[in-house]
C-alpha cells in the first residue's frame, strides 16, 4: 500500500538521515516507525506505559509519550465529577453572570472563523 504524509522539514530530514545511517529505504523506516507506534498504542490500551530502562536498573530512565498516547491514557481513566448542589449553583451563577462579548471580541471571532 502506498501512503503519503506531510511532516515538518526537521522530521523529514531526520528520517532521511536515519534511513541512510541504518541502511534502510524510506519505506522500511516508515514501516519500522508504524510498527513501534502500533505496539505503543496496544500497550497503552492495556493500561501500560512505555518507558526506557537502563540495563541493570529497575527504575525507568525516561517515559516515552506522544500527544496521542497521552490522550489515550487519559481516556482510559475516566473519573466521575461529583459536585455539591451548592457548587453546581455557584457554577451556574458564574456562567449566567459572565459579561457579554464586546464588539472587539465578536469581530475577532468573525476573523478567526473565516
N, C-alpha and C. Protein backbone atom coordinates (compact mmCIF):
# COMPACT_ATOMS: atom_id res chain seq x y z
N UNK A 1 0.84 -1.18 0.00
CA UNK A 1 0.00 0.00 0.00
C UNK A 1 0.89 1.24 0.00
N UNK A 2 0.48 2.21 -0.72
CA UNK A 2 1.24 3.45 -0.78
C UNK A 2 0.54 4.47 0.12
N UNK A 3 1.31 5.10 1.01
CA UNK A 3 0.81 6.16 1.89
C UNK A 3 1.57 7.43 1.59
N UNK A 4 0.93 8.55 1.79
CA UNK A 4 1.60 9.83 1.63
C UNK A 4 1.32 10.66 2.86
N UNK A 5 2.33 11.34 3.36
CA UNK A 5 2.16 12.15 4.56
C UNK A 5 2.97 13.43 4.44
N UNK A 6 2.52 14.44 5.13
CA UNK A 6 3.25 15.70 5.22
C UNK A 6 3.80 15.80 6.63
N UNK A 7 5.10 15.97 6.74
CA UNK A 7 5.74 16.09 8.05
C UNK A 7 6.58 17.36 8.07
N UNK A 8 6.90 17.86 9.27
CA UNK A 8 7.76 19.04 9.33
C UNK A 8 9.12 18.75 8.68
N UNK A 9 9.73 19.77 8.11
CA UNK A 9 11.02 19.61 7.45
C UNK A 9 12.05 18.95 8.37
N UNK A 10 12.06 19.35 9.64
CA UNK A 10 13.05 18.80 10.56
C UNK A 10 12.87 17.29 10.73
N UNK A 11 11.63 16.82 10.79
CA UNK A 11 11.38 15.38 10.90
C UNK A 11 11.73 14.66 9.61
N UNK A 12 11.40 15.26 8.49
CA UNK A 12 11.72 14.66 7.20
C UNK A 12 13.21 14.51 7.02
N UNK A 13 13.95 15.55 7.35
CA UNK A 13 15.41 15.50 7.24
C UNK A 13 15.98 14.44 8.17
N UNK A 14 15.50 14.41 9.41
CA UNK A 14 15.98 13.42 10.38
C UNK A 14 15.66 12.01 9.90
N UNK A 15 14.48 11.81 9.33
CA UNK A 15 14.09 10.48 8.85
C UNK A 15 14.99 10.03 7.70
N UNK A 16 15.27 10.93 6.78
CA UNK A 16 16.14 10.58 5.64
C UNK A 16 17.55 10.25 6.13
N UNK A 17 18.07 11.07 7.05
CA UNK A 17 19.40 10.82 7.59
C UNK A 17 19.46 9.49 8.34
N UNK A 18 18.42 9.20 9.12
CA UNK A 18 18.39 7.95 9.89
C UNK A 18 18.30 6.74 8.96
N UNK A 19 17.48 6.84 7.94
CA UNK A 19 17.35 5.75 6.98
C UNK A 19 18.70 5.47 6.32
N UNK A 20 19.40 6.52 5.92
CA UNK A 20 20.72 6.35 5.30
C UNK A 20 21.71 5.74 6.28
N UNK A 21 21.69 6.24 7.52
CA UNK A 21 22.61 5.73 8.55
C UNK A 21 22.39 4.24 8.83
N UNK A 22 21.11 3.82 8.84
CA UNK A 22 20.78 2.43 9.14
C UNK A 22 20.76 1.54 7.91
N UNK A 23 20.94 2.14 6.75
CA UNK A 23 20.92 1.36 5.51
C UNK A 23 19.52 0.86 5.16
N UNK A 24 18.51 1.65 5.50
CA UNK A 24 17.12 1.30 5.22
C UNK A 24 16.57 2.20 4.12
N UNK A 25 15.59 1.69 3.41
CA UNK A 25 14.86 2.57 2.49
C UNK A 25 13.92 3.43 3.33
N UNK A 26 13.40 4.47 2.74
CA UNK A 26 12.43 5.31 3.46
C UNK A 26 11.20 4.49 3.83
N UNK A 27 10.78 3.60 2.94
CA UNK A 27 9.62 2.75 3.22
C UNK A 27 9.88 1.83 4.42
N UNK A 28 11.09 1.28 4.48
CA UNK A 28 11.42 0.41 5.62
C UNK A 28 11.42 1.20 6.92
N UNK A 29 11.96 2.41 6.88
CA UNK A 29 11.99 3.25 8.07
C UNK A 29 10.57 3.56 8.55
N UNK A 30 9.69 3.94 7.64
CA UNK A 30 8.31 4.25 8.00
C UNK A 30 7.60 3.01 8.52
N UNK A 31 7.86 1.85 7.92
CA UNK A 31 7.29 0.60 8.40
C UNK A 31 7.73 0.32 9.83
N UNK A 32 9.00 0.53 10.12
CA UNK A 32 9.52 0.33 11.49
C UNK A 32 8.82 1.29 12.46
N UNK A 33 8.68 2.56 12.06
CA UNK A 33 8.06 3.55 12.92
C UNK A 33 6.59 3.20 13.19
N UNK A 34 5.87 2.79 12.16
CA UNK A 34 4.46 2.43 12.34
C UNK A 34 4.32 1.19 13.22
N UNK A 35 5.20 0.23 13.04
CA UNK A 35 5.16 -0.98 13.87
C UNK A 35 5.33 -0.61 15.34
N UNK A 36 6.29 0.24 15.63
CA UNK A 36 6.54 0.67 17.00
C UNK A 36 5.35 1.45 17.56
N UNK A 37 4.77 2.35 16.76
CA UNK A 37 3.64 3.13 17.23
C UNK A 37 2.41 2.25 17.48
N UNK A 38 2.16 1.29 16.59
CA UNK A 38 1.04 0.37 16.80
C UNK A 38 1.21 -0.40 18.10
N UNK A 39 2.43 -0.87 18.37
CA UNK A 39 2.71 -1.58 19.62
C UNK A 39 2.49 -0.66 20.82
N UNK A 40 2.92 0.58 20.70
CA UNK A 40 2.74 1.55 21.78
C UNK A 40 1.26 1.76 22.07
N UNK A 41 0.45 1.91 21.04
CA UNK A 41 -1.00 2.10 21.22
C UNK A 41 -1.61 0.88 21.91
N UNK A 42 -1.23 -0.32 21.47
CA UNK A 42 -1.76 -1.54 22.10
C UNK A 42 -1.42 -1.59 23.58
N UNK A 43 -0.19 -1.24 23.93
CA UNK A 43 0.23 -1.29 25.33
C UNK A 43 -0.51 -0.24 26.17
N UNK A 44 -0.68 0.95 25.64
CA UNK A 44 -1.42 1.99 26.37
C UNK A 44 -2.86 1.55 26.57
N UNK A 45 -3.45 0.92 25.57
CA UNK A 45 -4.83 0.43 25.71
C UNK A 45 -4.93 -0.66 26.77
N UNK A 46 -3.84 -1.36 27.04
CA UNK A 46 -3.81 -2.38 28.10
C UNK A 46 -3.53 -1.76 29.46
N UNK A 47 -3.42 -0.44 29.51
CA UNK A 47 -3.17 0.24 30.77
C UNK A 47 -1.70 0.35 31.14
N UNK A 48 -0.82 0.11 30.19
CA UNK A 48 0.61 0.17 30.45
C UNK A 48 1.20 1.46 29.93
N UNK A 49 2.39 1.78 30.42
CA UNK A 49 3.15 2.94 29.96
C UNK A 49 4.42 2.46 29.30
N UNK A 50 4.91 3.23 28.34
CA UNK A 50 6.17 2.91 27.69
C UNK A 50 7.28 3.71 28.35
N UNK A 51 8.35 3.02 28.71
CA UNK A 51 9.50 3.67 29.32
C UNK A 51 10.77 3.03 28.77
N UNK A 52 11.86 3.74 28.92
CA UNK A 52 13.16 3.13 28.66
C UNK A 52 13.76 2.80 30.02
N UNK A 53 14.55 1.73 30.04
CA UNK A 53 15.16 1.29 31.29
C UNK A 53 16.65 1.09 31.05
N UNK A 54 17.44 1.60 31.96
CA UNK A 54 18.88 1.38 31.89
C UNK A 54 19.17 -0.06 32.29
N UNK A 55 19.98 -0.78 31.52
CA UNK A 55 20.30 -2.16 31.88
C UNK A 55 20.83 -2.24 33.32
N UNK A 56 20.34 -3.23 34.06
CA UNK A 56 20.77 -3.41 35.44
C UNK A 56 20.01 -2.56 36.44
N UNK A 57 19.08 -1.76 35.96
CA UNK A 57 18.30 -0.90 36.85
C UNK A 57 16.83 -1.24 36.71
N UNK A 58 16.10 -1.08 37.78
CA UNK A 58 14.66 -1.30 37.72
C UNK A 58 13.89 0.00 37.56
N UNK A 59 14.59 1.11 37.71
CA UNK A 59 13.94 2.41 37.61
C UNK A 59 13.87 2.86 36.15
N UNK A 60 12.72 3.39 35.73
CA UNK A 60 12.63 3.92 34.37
C UNK A 60 13.58 5.10 34.17
N UNK A 61 14.25 5.12 33.05
CA UNK A 61 15.14 6.23 32.73
C UNK A 61 14.37 7.36 32.07
N UNK A 62 13.32 7.00 31.31
CA UNK A 62 12.60 8.01 30.55
C UNK A 62 11.22 7.49 30.18
N UNK A 63 10.19 8.29 30.42
CA UNK A 63 8.85 7.97 29.92
C UNK A 63 8.80 8.30 28.45
N UNK A 64 8.16 7.43 27.68
CA UNK A 64 8.01 7.70 26.25
C UNK A 64 6.55 8.02 26.00
N UNK A 65 6.29 9.21 25.46
CA UNK A 65 4.91 9.62 25.25
C UNK A 65 4.81 10.51 24.02
N UNK A 66 3.64 10.53 23.45
CA UNK A 66 3.29 11.45 22.38
C UNK A 66 1.95 12.05 22.76
N UNK A 67 1.52 13.11 22.12
CA UNK A 67 0.19 13.65 22.45
C UNK A 67 -0.92 12.60 22.28
N UNK A 68 -0.82 11.76 21.25
CA UNK A 68 -1.84 10.74 21.03
C UNK A 68 -1.83 9.69 22.13
N UNK A 69 -0.64 9.22 22.51
CA UNK A 69 -0.55 8.22 23.57
C UNK A 69 -1.05 8.79 24.90
N UNK A 70 -0.71 10.04 25.18
CA UNK A 70 -1.18 10.67 26.42
C UNK A 70 -2.71 10.79 26.42
N UNK A 71 -3.29 11.16 25.29
CA UNK A 71 -4.76 11.26 25.20
C UNK A 71 -5.40 9.90 25.41
N UNK A 72 -4.82 8.86 24.82
CA UNK A 72 -5.35 7.51 25.03
C UNK A 72 -5.28 7.10 26.50
N UNK A 73 -4.16 7.43 27.13
CA UNK A 73 -4.01 7.09 28.55
C UNK A 73 -5.07 7.79 29.40
N UNK A 74 -5.29 9.07 29.14
CA UNK A 74 -6.30 9.80 29.90
C UNK A 74 -7.70 9.25 29.63
N UNK A 75 -7.97 8.86 28.39
CA UNK A 75 -9.29 8.34 28.04
C UNK A 75 -9.56 7.00 28.74
N UNK A 76 -8.50 6.29 29.11
CA UNK A 76 -8.66 5.00 29.78
C UNK A 76 -9.07 5.16 31.24
N UNK A 77 -8.93 6.37 31.79
CA UNK A 77 -9.19 6.58 33.21
C UNK A 77 -10.25 7.66 33.44
N UNK A 78 -11.46 7.44 32.98
CA UNK A 78 -12.47 8.47 33.24
C UNK A 78 -12.79 8.54 34.73
N UNK A 79 -13.01 9.74 35.21
CA UNK A 79 -13.35 9.93 36.60
C UNK A 79 -14.66 10.70 36.69
N UNK A 80 -15.50 10.26 37.57
CA UNK A 80 -16.77 10.93 37.77
C UNK A 80 -16.54 12.17 38.62
N UNK A 81 -17.12 13.27 38.19
CA UNK A 81 -17.01 14.52 38.91
C UNK A 81 -18.25 14.69 39.77
N UNK A 82 -18.04 14.80 41.06
CA UNK A 82 -19.15 14.98 41.98
C UNK A 82 -19.13 16.40 42.52
N UNK A 83 -20.22 17.11 42.31
CA UNK A 83 -20.35 18.47 42.82
C UNK A 83 -21.52 18.54 43.78
N UNK A 84 -21.33 19.30 44.82
CA UNK A 84 -22.45 19.53 45.73
C UNK A 84 -23.45 20.44 45.02
N UNK A 85 -24.66 20.45 45.52
CA UNK A 85 -25.68 21.32 44.94
C UNK A 85 -25.25 22.78 45.03
N UNK A 86 -24.58 23.12 46.13
CA UNK A 86 -24.12 24.50 46.32
C UNK A 86 -23.07 24.86 45.27
N UNK A 87 -22.12 23.96 44.99
CA UNK A 87 -21.09 24.22 43.99
C UNK A 87 -21.69 24.32 42.59
N UNK A 88 -22.63 23.45 42.28
CA UNK A 88 -23.28 23.49 40.98
C UNK A 88 -24.03 24.81 40.80
N UNK A 89 -24.68 25.27 41.85
CA UNK A 89 -25.41 26.54 41.79
C UNK A 89 -24.44 27.70 41.58
N UNK A 90 -23.27 27.65 42.25
CA UNK A 90 -22.27 28.70 42.07
C UNK A 90 -21.75 28.73 40.64
N UNK A 91 -21.54 27.55 40.06
CA UNK A 91 -21.08 27.49 38.66
C UNK A 91 -22.12 28.07 37.72
N UNK A 92 -23.36 27.72 37.92
CA UNK A 92 -24.45 28.24 37.08
C UNK A 92 -24.54 29.74 37.22
N UNK A 93 -24.44 30.24 38.44
CA UNK A 93 -24.50 31.68 38.68
C UNK A 93 -23.34 32.39 37.98
N UNK A 94 -22.15 31.83 38.06
CA UNK A 94 -20.98 32.45 37.41
C UNK A 94 -21.16 32.47 35.90
N UNK A 95 -21.69 31.39 35.33
CA UNK A 95 -21.90 31.34 33.88
C UNK A 95 -22.94 32.36 33.44
N UNK A 96 -23.99 32.49 34.21
CA UNK A 96 -25.05 33.45 33.86
C UNK A 96 -24.60 34.89 34.05
N UNK A 97 -23.68 35.13 34.99
CA UNK A 97 -23.23 36.49 35.29
C UNK A 97 -22.07 36.93 34.41
N UNK A 98 -21.60 36.05 33.55
CA UNK A 98 -20.44 36.42 32.73
C UNK A 98 -20.82 37.56 31.78
N UNK A 99 -19.84 38.38 31.51
CA UNK A 99 -20.08 39.55 30.66
C UNK A 99 -20.37 39.12 29.23
N UNK A 100 -21.21 39.86 28.57
CA UNK A 100 -21.50 39.63 27.16
C UNK A 100 -20.27 40.01 26.35
N UNK A 101 -19.99 39.30 25.25
CA UNK A 101 -18.83 39.66 24.45
C UNK A 101 -19.01 41.04 23.83
N UNK A 102 -17.93 41.81 23.86
CA UNK A 102 -17.95 43.15 23.30
C UNK A 102 -17.73 43.10 21.79
N UNK A 103 -17.76 44.26 21.18
CA UNK A 103 -17.61 44.36 19.72
C UNK A 103 -16.25 43.83 19.27
N UNK A 104 -15.19 44.13 20.02
CA UNK A 104 -13.85 43.67 19.64
C UNK A 104 -13.77 42.14 19.65
N UNK A 105 -14.35 41.52 20.66
CA UNK A 105 -14.32 40.06 20.75
C UNK A 105 -15.14 39.43 19.64
N UNK A 106 -16.31 40.00 19.35
CA UNK A 106 -17.14 39.46 18.26
C UNK A 106 -16.42 39.58 16.92
N UNK A 107 -15.74 40.71 16.68
CA UNK A 107 -15.01 40.89 15.43
C UNK A 107 -13.84 39.90 15.34
N UNK A 108 -13.14 39.67 16.44
CA UNK A 108 -12.04 38.72 16.45
C UNK A 108 -12.57 37.30 16.15
N UNK A 109 -13.71 36.97 16.69
CA UNK A 109 -14.31 35.65 16.44
C UNK A 109 -14.69 35.51 14.97
N UNK A 110 -15.22 36.58 14.38
CA UNK A 110 -15.56 36.55 12.95
C UNK A 110 -14.32 36.34 12.08
N UNK A 111 -13.24 37.06 12.42
CA UNK A 111 -11.99 36.93 11.64
C UNK A 111 -11.44 35.51 11.77
N UNK A 112 -11.52 34.94 12.95
CA UNK A 112 -10.98 33.61 13.21
C UNK A 112 -11.80 32.53 12.50
N UNK A 113 -13.10 32.74 12.37
CA UNK A 113 -13.98 31.75 11.77
C UNK A 113 -13.81 31.66 10.25
N UNK A 114 -13.22 32.67 9.64
CA UNK A 114 -13.08 32.65 8.18
C UNK A 114 -12.10 31.66 7.72
